[in-house]
């Protein structure tokens, strides 16, 4: 969750060369190709240095790094700049997994946009051969001083060495939980609640008549999907539990999935917050991600609270999460790689299911509205966020309550 950025050396190469011709570029005896690749790696490392110097916390140097010499270059660079390095090596010798990986991941690469599948497959296999000729795996003896995780055959076995700090241990935990089994994650909010209808935030009310109707439709939708081994998770709040009960499947309650705590503003309408706490209302509009309700939480707090849920979601296969607006925004932002500024304004309407299917380079999203009316609870950021603004300006973007 720290500020992080990926530096893909392949992207630097593409910007340098513009057109990728063939695997010949990656041959160990192609001196021109080697020179260009080294220049691109150096350019990427320079950008890593700049990013971390400017306050970034985690830089992902995304390249093959298959030789001991290249890894030594990275290690020396890190030592000179006071950075810690953690290597991630993925070793796979299963030809079926390799072939599937080429199809799922590499055929979508910009290198192969104008190739047919067979040509691309053939070229990439030759490219792997080029790497094999110079490949030096991380060695338990020779590389015992390095910090790394070695993943064998997509998670059948792991070797972890010299973990130096909390961030590295979290990376290890994350990598040991992810998998490549095809699956879908279904996200939805509870059915419309009585407090939703009144235009109030927070609270722990039950479902409105329309909310109960949605829960029945959700049951039909889940049955129509014919999902194998579906897990269902809810928060510990009435409205999500009532929704899950109507779906008639076993479910697990997570306290971590409870809605953001609005503190002193719980069960208030936006108009009441503006009336009683105009300063707080303006401060929240100025920085919605970091603003913390008095005696409550911020979105930043909520992201931290949801980390165990996200880790467990990565470990599971098919899951339906019945949650709340702020919680759903955080989960969606994680899977769609949204920024802290975008996160609090993601649209997560009531009575709509989002089906997320992880794919190479991202996540496929399908939005399914279940045809049951509900109030709109989405409030956009108003243009005027100054403390001195008029009440009407502050309330311009408040949604209608019916």
Protein backbone atom coordinates (compact mmCIF):
# COMPACT_ATOMS: atom_id res chain seq x y z
CA UNK A 1 0.00 0.00 0.00
CA UNK A 2 3.11 2.23 0.20
CA UNK A 3 3.74 4.57 -2.73
CA UNK A 4 5.06 2.28 -5.43
CA UNK A 5 5.87 2.38 -9.13
CA UNK A 6 6.89 -0.16 -11.75
CA UNK A 7 9.79 0.46 -14.14
CA UNK A 8 9.47 -1.96 -17.05
CA UNK A 9 12.75 -2.18 -18.98
CA UNK A 10 10.89 -3.71 -21.95
CA UNK A 11 8.92 -0.47 -22.21
CA UNK A 12 12.15 1.55 -22.27
CA UNK A 13 13.37 -0.75 -25.08
CA UNK A 14 10.15 -0.25 -27.04
CA UNK A 15 10.46 3.52 -26.72
CA UNK A 16 14.07 3.30 -27.90
CA UNK A 17 13.53 0.91 -30.82
CA UNK A 18 9.88 1.66 -31.73
CA UNK A 19 9.57 -1.58 -33.75
CA UNK A 20 10.28 -5.08 -32.43
CA UNK A 21 11.47 -7.35 -35.24
CA UNK A 22 12.28 -10.74 -33.74
CA UNK A 23 14.00 -12.83 -31.07
CA UNK A 24 17.36 -12.12 -32.83
CA UNK A 25 17.56 -8.91 -30.78
CA UNK A 26 17.91 -11.02 -27.59
CA UNK A 27 20.66 -13.36 -28.79
CA UNK A 28 23.65 -13.31 -26.39
CA UNK A 29 26.00 -12.73 -29.35
CA UNK A 30 24.02 -9.72 -30.63
CA UNK A 31 26.37 -6.99 -29.42
CA UNK A 32 24.22 -4.12 -30.69
CA UNK A 33 21.14 -5.58 -28.97
CA UNK A 34 23.08 -6.13 -25.75
CA UNK A 35 24.30 -2.54 -25.78
CA UNK A 36 20.77 -1.17 -26.26
CA UNK A 37 19.40 -3.41 -23.49
CA UNK A 38 22.11 -2.22 -21.10
CA UNK A 39 21.36 1.42 -21.96
CA UNK A 40 17.65 0.85 -21.33
CA UNK A 41 18.36 -0.85 -17.98
CA UNK A 42 20.59 2.09 -16.96
CA UNK A 43 17.90 4.60 -17.96
CA UNK A 44 15.33 2.68 -15.92
CA UNK A 45 17.64 2.53 -12.88
CA UNK A 46 18.22 6.28 -13.12
CA UNK A 47 14.45 6.79 -13.05
CA UNK A 48 14.22 4.43 -10.07
CA UNK A 49 16.80 6.58 -8.25
CA UNK A 50 14.85 9.75 -9.02
CA UNK A 51 11.53 8.23 -7.97
CA UNK A 52 12.85 6.96 -4.62
CA UNK A 53 14.69 10.25 -3.99
CA UNK A 54 11.39 12.09 -4.55
CA UNK A 55 9.67 10.15 -1.77
CA UNK A 56 8.59 6.92 -3.47
CA UNK A 57 8.90 3.91 -1.19
CA UNK A 58 8.86 0.82 -3.41
CA UNK A 59 10.21 0.68 -6.98
CA UNK A 60 9.64 -2.47 -9.02
CA UNK A 61 12.51 -2.92 -11.49
CA UNK A 62 10.74 -5.16 -14.00
CA UNK A 63 13.28 -6.93 -16.22
CA UNK A 64 14.62 -10.45 -16.77
CA UNK A 65 17.81 -9.90 -14.70
CA UNK A 66 18.86 -13.46 -15.58
CA UNK A 67 22.63 -13.10 -15.15
CA UNK A 68 24.66 -12.77 -11.98
CA UNK A 69 26.44 -9.81 -13.59
CA UNK A 70 23.15 -7.91 -14.12
CA UNK A 71 22.04 -8.64 -10.55
CA UNK A 72 25.42 -7.43 -9.28
CA UNK A 73 24.90 -4.16 -11.21
CA UNK A 74 21.54 -3.69 -9.47
CA UNK A 75 22.99 -4.57 -6.04
CA UNK A 76 25.89 -2.10 -6.42
CA UNK A 77 23.47 0.60 -7.65
CA UNK A 78 21.29 0.02 -4.57
CA UNK A 79 24.23 0.09 -2.15
CA UNK A 80 25.54 3.34 -3.65
CA UNK A 81 22.12 4.96 -3.18
CA UNK A 82 21.20 3.47 0.19
CA UNK A 83 18.35 1.30 -1.17
CA UNK A 84 17.47 -2.26 -0.17
CA UNK A 85 17.04 -4.87 -2.92
CA UNK A 86 14.73 -7.87 -2.99
CA UNK A 87 14.92 -10.23 -5.99
CA UNK A 88 11.95 -12.29 -7.18
CA UNK A 89 12.82 -15.31 -9.35
CA UNK A 90 10.14 -17.46 -10.95
CA UNK A 91 11.41 -20.84 -12.14
CA UNK A 92 9.07 -22.94 -14.24
CA UNK A 93 9.95 -26.16 -16.03
CA UNK A 94 6.42 -27.36 -16.80
CA UNK A 95 6.00 -26.98 -20.61
CA UNK A 96 2.20 -26.75 -20.33
CA UNK A 97 2.38 -23.89 -17.84
CA UNK A 98 4.99 -22.11 -19.99
CA UNK A 99 2.83 -22.45 -23.13
CA UNK A 100 -0.25 -21.21 -21.25
CA UNK A 101 1.75 -18.31 -19.84
CA UNK A 102 2.91 -17.28 -23.32
CA UNK A 103 -0.70 -17.32 -24.56
CA UNK A 104 -2.16 -15.51 -21.53
CA UNK A 105 0.61 -12.98 -20.95
CA UNK A 106 2.99 -12.49 -23.83
CA UNK A 107 0.58 -12.53 -26.76
CA UNK A 108 -0.98 -9.40 -25.28
CA UNK A 109 2.43 -7.72 -25.20
CA UNK A 110 2.99 -4.65 -27.43
CA UNK A 111 5.83 -6.62 -29.12
CA UNK A 112 3.27 -8.88 -30.81
CA UNK A 113 0.40 -6.58 -31.73
CA UNK A 114 0.82 -7.23 -35.46
CA UNK A 115 1.60 -10.96 -35.26
CA UNK A 116 -0.65 -13.97 -35.53
CA UNK A 117 -0.69 -16.33 -32.54
CA UNK A 118 1.53 -19.03 -34.03
CA UNK A 119 4.23 -16.59 -35.15
CA UNK A 120 4.24 -14.90 -31.76
CA UNK A 121 4.40 -18.23 -29.90
CA UNK A 122 7.31 -19.40 -32.04
CA UNK A 123 9.21 -16.15 -31.67
CA UNK A 124 8.78 -16.00 -27.91
CA UNK A 125 9.92 -19.60 -27.45
CA UNK A 126 13.11 -18.69 -29.35
CA UNK A 127 13.45 -15.63 -27.14
CA UNK A 128 13.30 -17.89 -24.05
CA UNK A 129 16.06 -20.04 -25.61
CA UNK A 130 18.22 -16.90 -25.94
CA UNK A 131 17.81 -16.25 -22.22
CA UNK A 132 18.46 -19.90 -21.34
CA UNK A 133 21.90 -19.67 -22.95
CA UNK A 134 23.05 -17.02 -20.47
CA UNK A 135 20.68 -17.74 -17.54
CA UNK A 136 22.20 -18.09 -14.06
CA UNK A 137 19.66 -19.02 -11.39
CA UNK A 138 19.84 -17.65 -7.85
CA UNK A 139 22.12 -20.03 -5.97
CA UNK A 140 21.77 -20.89 -2.27
CA UNK A 141 25.55 -20.73 -1.78
CA UNK A 142 26.79 -18.15 -4.29
CA UNK A 143 23.90 -15.76 -3.60
CA UNK A 144 23.46 -16.38 0.12
CA UNK A 145 24.11 -12.68 0.83
CA UNK A 146 21.15 -11.55 -1.36
CA UNK A 147 17.55 -11.07 -0.25
CA UNK A 148 15.21 -13.02 -2.51
CA UNK A 149 12.29 -15.36 -3.01
CA UNK A 150 12.50 -18.14 -5.56
CA UNK A 151 9.12 -19.45 -6.74
CA UNK A 152 9.18 -22.92 -8.29
CA UNK A 153 6.51 -24.04 -10.78
CA UNK A 154 4.04 -21.25 -9.96
CA UNK A 155 3.87 -21.91 -6.24
CA UNK A 156 4.55 -25.61 -5.74
CA UNK A 157 7.64 -24.70 -3.74
CA UNK A 158 9.33 -21.54 -2.43
CA UNK A 159 12.83 -20.65 -1.28
CA UNK A 160 13.10 -17.47 0.79
CA UNK A 161 16.46 -15.97 1.74
CA UNK A 162 17.59 -13.02 3.90
CA UNK A 163 14.31 -11.10 4.37
CA UNK A 164 15.45 -7.72 5.69
CA UNK A 165 12.36 -5.80 6.77
CA UNK A 166 8.59 -5.52 7.10
CA UNK A 167 7.97 -4.56 3.47
CA UNK A 168 10.00 -7.52 2.18
CA UNK A 169 8.13 -9.89 4.51
CA UNK A 170 4.82 -8.55 3.17
CA UNK A 171 6.03 -9.09 -0.40
CA UNK A 172 6.88 -12.70 0.51
CA UNK A 173 3.47 -13.19 2.13
CA UNK A 174 1.75 -11.73 -0.94
CA UNK A 175 3.72 -13.85 -3.43
CA UNK A 176 3.01 -17.01 -1.44
CA UNK A 177 -0.73 -16.30 -1.56
CA UNK A 178 -1.34 -15.40 -5.21
CA UNK A 179 -2.13 -18.07 -7.78
CA UNK A 180 -2.90 -18.35 -11.50
CA UNK A 181 -6.04 -20.49 -11.32
CA UNK A 182 -8.77 -18.83 -13.44
CA UNK A 183 -11.42 -17.32 -11.16
CA UNK A 184 -13.82 -14.42 -10.70
CA UNK A 185 -14.43 -12.09 -7.79
CA UNK A 186 -17.95 -10.70 -7.48
CA UNK A 187 -18.29 -7.41 -5.60
CA UNK A 188 -21.58 -5.83 -4.62
CA UNK A 189 -23.01 -3.67 -1.91
CA UNK A 190 -25.78 -4.77 0.42
CA UNK A 191 -29.34 -4.14 -0.71
CA UNK A 192 -30.65 -0.61 -0.20
CA UNK A 193 -31.00 0.09 3.55
CA UNK A 194 -33.52 2.16 5.51
CA UNK A 195 -30.80 4.74 6.24
CA UNK A 196 -29.86 4.88 2.52
CA UNK A 197 -33.46 5.89 1.79
CA UNK A 198 -33.27 8.67 4.41
CA UNK A 199 -30.01 9.93 2.88
CA UNK A 200 -28.00 9.16 6.03
CA UNK A 201 -24.43 7.85 6.08
CA UNK A 202 -23.20 4.95 8.21
CA UNK A 203 -25.35 3.37 10.90
CA UNK A 204 -26.44 -0.25 11.11
CA UNK A 205 -29.98 -0.31 9.73
CA UNK A 206 -31.70 -3.21 8.01
CA UNK A 207 -32.82 -3.49 4.39
CA UNK A 208 -35.57 -1.39 2.82
CA UNK A 209 -38.31 -3.20 0.85
CA UNK A 210 -36.33 -2.55 -2.36
CA UNK A 211 -33.17 -3.81 -0.65
CA UNK A 212 -34.94 -7.07 0.18
CA UNK A 213 -36.10 -7.33 -3.43
CA UNK A 214 -32.49 -6.91 -4.63
CA UNK A 215 -31.35 -9.71 -2.31
CA UNK A 216 -33.81 -12.09 -4.03
CA UNK A 217 -32.55 -11.03 -7.46
CA UNK A 218 -28.96 -11.49 -6.27
CA UNK A 219 -29.81 -15.07 -5.33
CA UNK A 220 -31.17 -15.73 -8.84
CA UNK A 221 -28.11 -14.09 -10.42
CA UNK A 222 -25.65 -16.18 -8.39
CA UNK A 223 -27.56 -19.37 -9.25
CA UNK A 224 -27.50 -18.44 -12.96
CA UNK A 225 -23.70 -18.06 -12.88
CA UNK A 226 -23.25 -21.72 -11.84
CA UNK A 227 -20.07 -20.91 -9.92
CA UNK A 228 -18.11 -23.83 -8.51
CA UNK A 229 -17.11 -23.65 -4.83
CA UNK A 230 -18.30 -20.08 -4.36
CA UNK A 231 -17.28 -18.46 -1.06
CA UNK A 232 -19.49 -15.62 0.21
CA UNK A 233 -18.14 -12.94 2.55
CA UNK A 234 -20.07 -10.19 4.33
CA UNK A 235 -19.34 -7.53 6.92
CA UNK A 236 -20.75 -7.83 10.45
CA UNK A 237 -23.43 -5.24 9.71
CA UNK A 238 -27.14 -6.07 9.45
CA UNK A 239 -27.62 -4.92 5.88
CA UNK A 240 -24.93 -7.20 4.40
CA UNK A 241 -25.97 -10.16 6.57
CA UNK A 242 -29.64 -9.77 5.55
CA UNK A 243 -28.57 -9.64 1.90
CA UNK A 244 -26.51 -12.83 2.26
CA UNK A 245 -29.30 -14.62 4.16
CA UNK A 246 -31.65 -14.08 1.22
CA UNK A 247 -29.03 -15.47 -1.20
CA UNK A 248 -29.33 -18.74 0.77
CA UNK A 249 -25.68 -19.77 0.70
CA UNK A 250 -23.23 -20.26 3.59
CA UNK A 251 -21.34 -17.04 4.28
CA UNK A 252 -18.47 -15.80 6.41
CA UNK A 253 -18.61 -12.53 8.34
CA UNK A 254 -15.55 -10.24 8.35
CA UNK A 255 -15.33 -7.32 10.80
CA UNK A 256 -12.69 -5.87 8.46
CA UNK A 257 -15.42 -5.50 5.78
CA UNK A 258 -17.52 -3.14 7.95
CA UNK A 259 -18.25 0.25 6.41
CA UNK A 260 -15.94 3.20 7.03
CA UNK A 261 -16.57 4.61 10.52
CA UNK A 262 -17.97 8.13 10.14
CA UNK A 263 -17.39 8.86 13.86
CA UNK A 264 -19.46 11.82 15.08
CA UNK A 265 -21.15 11.98 11.66
CA UNK A 266 -22.66 8.46 11.82
CA UNK A 267 -26.35 8.38 10.78
CA UNK A 268 -26.30 12.03 9.66
CA UNK A 269 -27.41 13.43 6.32
CA UNK A 270 -24.86 15.45 4.32
CA UNK A 271 -27.03 18.53 4.95
CA UNK A 272 -26.72 17.94 8.71
CA UNK A 273 -22.94 17.49 8.50
CA UNK A 274 -22.68 20.79 6.60
CA UNK A 275 -24.90 22.47 9.22
CA UNK A 276 -23.12 21.13 12.33
CA UNK A 277 -19.57 20.53 11.04
CA UNK A 278 -19.01 22.83 8.01
CA UNK A 279 -15.22 22.88 8.58
CA UNK A 280 -15.05 19.06 8.64
CA UNK A 281 -17.23 18.83 5.52
CA UNK A 282 -14.89 21.18 3.61
CA UNK A 283 -11.73 19.42 4.84
CA UNK A 284 -13.10 16.09 3.68
CA UNK A 285 -13.76 17.52 0.22
CA UNK A 286 -10.20 18.88 0.07
CA UNK A 287 -8.57 15.48 0.66
CA UNK A 288 -11.17 12.74 0.84
CA UNK A 289 -8.60 9.90 0.91
CA UNK A 290 -6.65 11.15 3.95
CA UNK A 291 -9.39 13.02 5.83
CA UNK A 292 -10.41 11.24 9.04
CA UNK A 293 -13.86 11.77 10.56
CA UNK A 294 -13.67 12.98 14.20
CA UNK A 295 -13.67 9.76 16.30
CA UNK A 296 -13.89 7.83 13.03
CA UNK A 297 -11.80 6.65 10.08
CA UNK A 298 -10.29 7.88 6.82
CA UNK A 299 -10.11 5.98 3.52
CA UNK A 300 -6.40 5.62 4.26
CA UNK A 301 -7.28 3.83 7.53
CA UNK A 302 -9.79 1.66 5.68
CA UNK A 303 -7.19 0.57 3.11
CA UNK A 304 -4.94 -0.59 5.97
CA UNK A 305 -7.86 -2.41 7.61
CA UNK A 306 -8.67 -4.22 4.35
CA UNK A 307 -5.15 -5.52 3.67
CA UNK A 308 -5.83 -8.97 5.25
CA UNK A 309 -9.06 -9.22 3.21
CA UNK A 310 -7.17 -8.45 0.00
CA UNK A 311 -4.46 -11.01 0.82
CA UNK A 312 -7.13 -13.65 1.44
CA UNK A 313 -8.96 -12.67 -1.78
CA UNK A 314 -5.72 -13.27 -3.69
CA UNK A 315 -5.46 -16.73 -2.12
CA UNK A 316 -9.05 -17.77 -2.85
CA UNK A 317 -10.73 -18.73 -6.11
CA UNK A 318 -14.39 -17.67 -6.69
CA UNK A 319 -15.66 -15.24 -4.05
CA UNK A 320 -18.75 -13.02 -3.69
CA UNK A 321 -18.07 -10.07 -1.37
CA UNK A 322 -21.22 -8.33 -0.10
CA UNK A 323 -19.94 -5.10 1.40
CA UNK A 324 -20.37 -1.31 1.54
CA UNK A 325 -19.68 1.70 -0.69
CA UNK A 326 -16.33 2.83 0.80
CA UNK A 327 -15.14 -0.77 1.26
CA UNK A 328 -16.07 -1.69 -2.31
CA UNK A 329 -14.20 1.38 -3.59
CA UNK A 330 -11.03 0.23 -1.78
CA UNK A 331 -11.27 -3.33 -3.14
CA UNK A 332 -11.99 -2.05 -6.64
CA UNK A 333 -9.07 0.40 -6.49
CA UNK A 334 -6.73 -2.46 -5.57
CA UNK A 335 -7.80 -4.72 -8.44
CA UNK A 336 -7.99 -1.88 -11.01
CA UNK A 337 -4.81 -0.14 -9.80
CA UNK A 338 -6.46 3.23 -9.09
CA UNK A 339 -4.70 6.11 -7.33
CA UNK A 340 -5.45 7.39 -3.83
CA UNK A 341 -7.05 10.45 -5.43
CA UNK A 342 -9.36 8.38 -7.67
CA UNK A 343 -10.32 5.80 -5.03
CA UNK A 344 -12.88 7.78 -2.94
CA UNK A 345 -14.83 8.78 -6.06
CA UNK A 346 -15.17 5.38 -7.76
CA UNK A 347 -18.80 4.67 -8.63
CA UNK A 348 -20.21 1.67 -6.76
CA UNK A 349 -24.00 1.97 -7.12
CA UNK A 350 -26.49 -0.06 -5.11
CA UNK A 351 -28.07 -3.16 -6.69
CA UNK A 352 -25.20 -3.63 -9.15
CA UNK A 353 -22.75 -6.55 -9.17
CA UNK A 354 -19.22 -6.05 -10.47
CA UNK A 355 -17.63 -9.24 -11.78
CA UNK A 356 -13.82 -8.99 -11.76
CA UNK A 357 -11.81 -11.54 -13.69
CA UNK A 358 -8.03 -11.18 -13.25
CA UNK A 359 -6.21 -11.39 -16.59
CA UNK A 360 -2.64 -10.64 -17.68
CA UNK A 361 -1.86 -6.92 -17.35
CA UNK A 362 -5.03 -6.14 -15.39
CA UNK A 363 -8.57 -7.10 -14.58
CA UNK A 364 -11.63 -7.54 -16.78
CA UNK A 365 -14.68 -5.82 -15.26
CA UNK A 366 -18.32 -6.61 -16.02
CA UNK A 367 -21.05 -4.49 -14.44
CA UNK A 368 -24.41 -6.24 -13.96
CA UNK A 369 -27.37 -4.11 -12.82
CA UNK A 370 -30.06 -6.33 -11.31
CA UNK A 371 -33.04 -4.14 -12.28
CA UNK A 372 -34.19 -3.08 -8.82
CA UNK A 373 -34.41 0.68 -8.25
CA UNK A 374 -32.37 2.21 -5.43
CA UNK A 375 -31.34 5.63 -4.19
CA UNK A 376 -28.13 7.13 -5.52
CA UNK A 377 -25.52 7.45 -2.75
CA UNK A 378 -22.66 8.79 -4.91
CA UNK A 379 -21.51 12.33 -4.15
CA UNK A 380 -18.97 13.90 -6.52
CA UNK A 381 -16.34 16.35 -5.29
CA UNK A 382 -17.83 19.87 -5.54
CA UNK A 383 -15.91 22.56 -7.41
CA UNK A 384 -15.57 24.80 -4.37
CA UNK A 385 -13.82 23.01 -1.48
CA UNK A 386 -12.82 26.13 0.47
CA UNK A 387 -13.75 26.42 4.14
CA UNK A 388 -15.32 29.82 3.38
CA UNK A 389 -17.78 28.44 0.79
CA UNK A 390 -21.54 28.90 1.05
CA UNK A 391 -23.67 25.97 2.24
CA UNK A 392 -25.37 25.75 -1.18
CA UNK A 393 -21.97 25.28 -2.86
CA UNK A 394 -21.02 22.52 -0.42
CA UNK A 395 -24.31 20.70 -1.02
CA UNK A 396 -24.36 21.06 -4.83
CA UNK A 397 -23.33 17.45 -5.46
CA UNK A 398 -25.41 15.77 -2.74
CA UNK A 399 -27.57 13.11 -4.43
CA UNK A 400 -31.38 13.19 -4.16
CA UNK A 401 -32.73 11.09 -1.29
CA UNK A 402 -35.51 9.33 -3.17
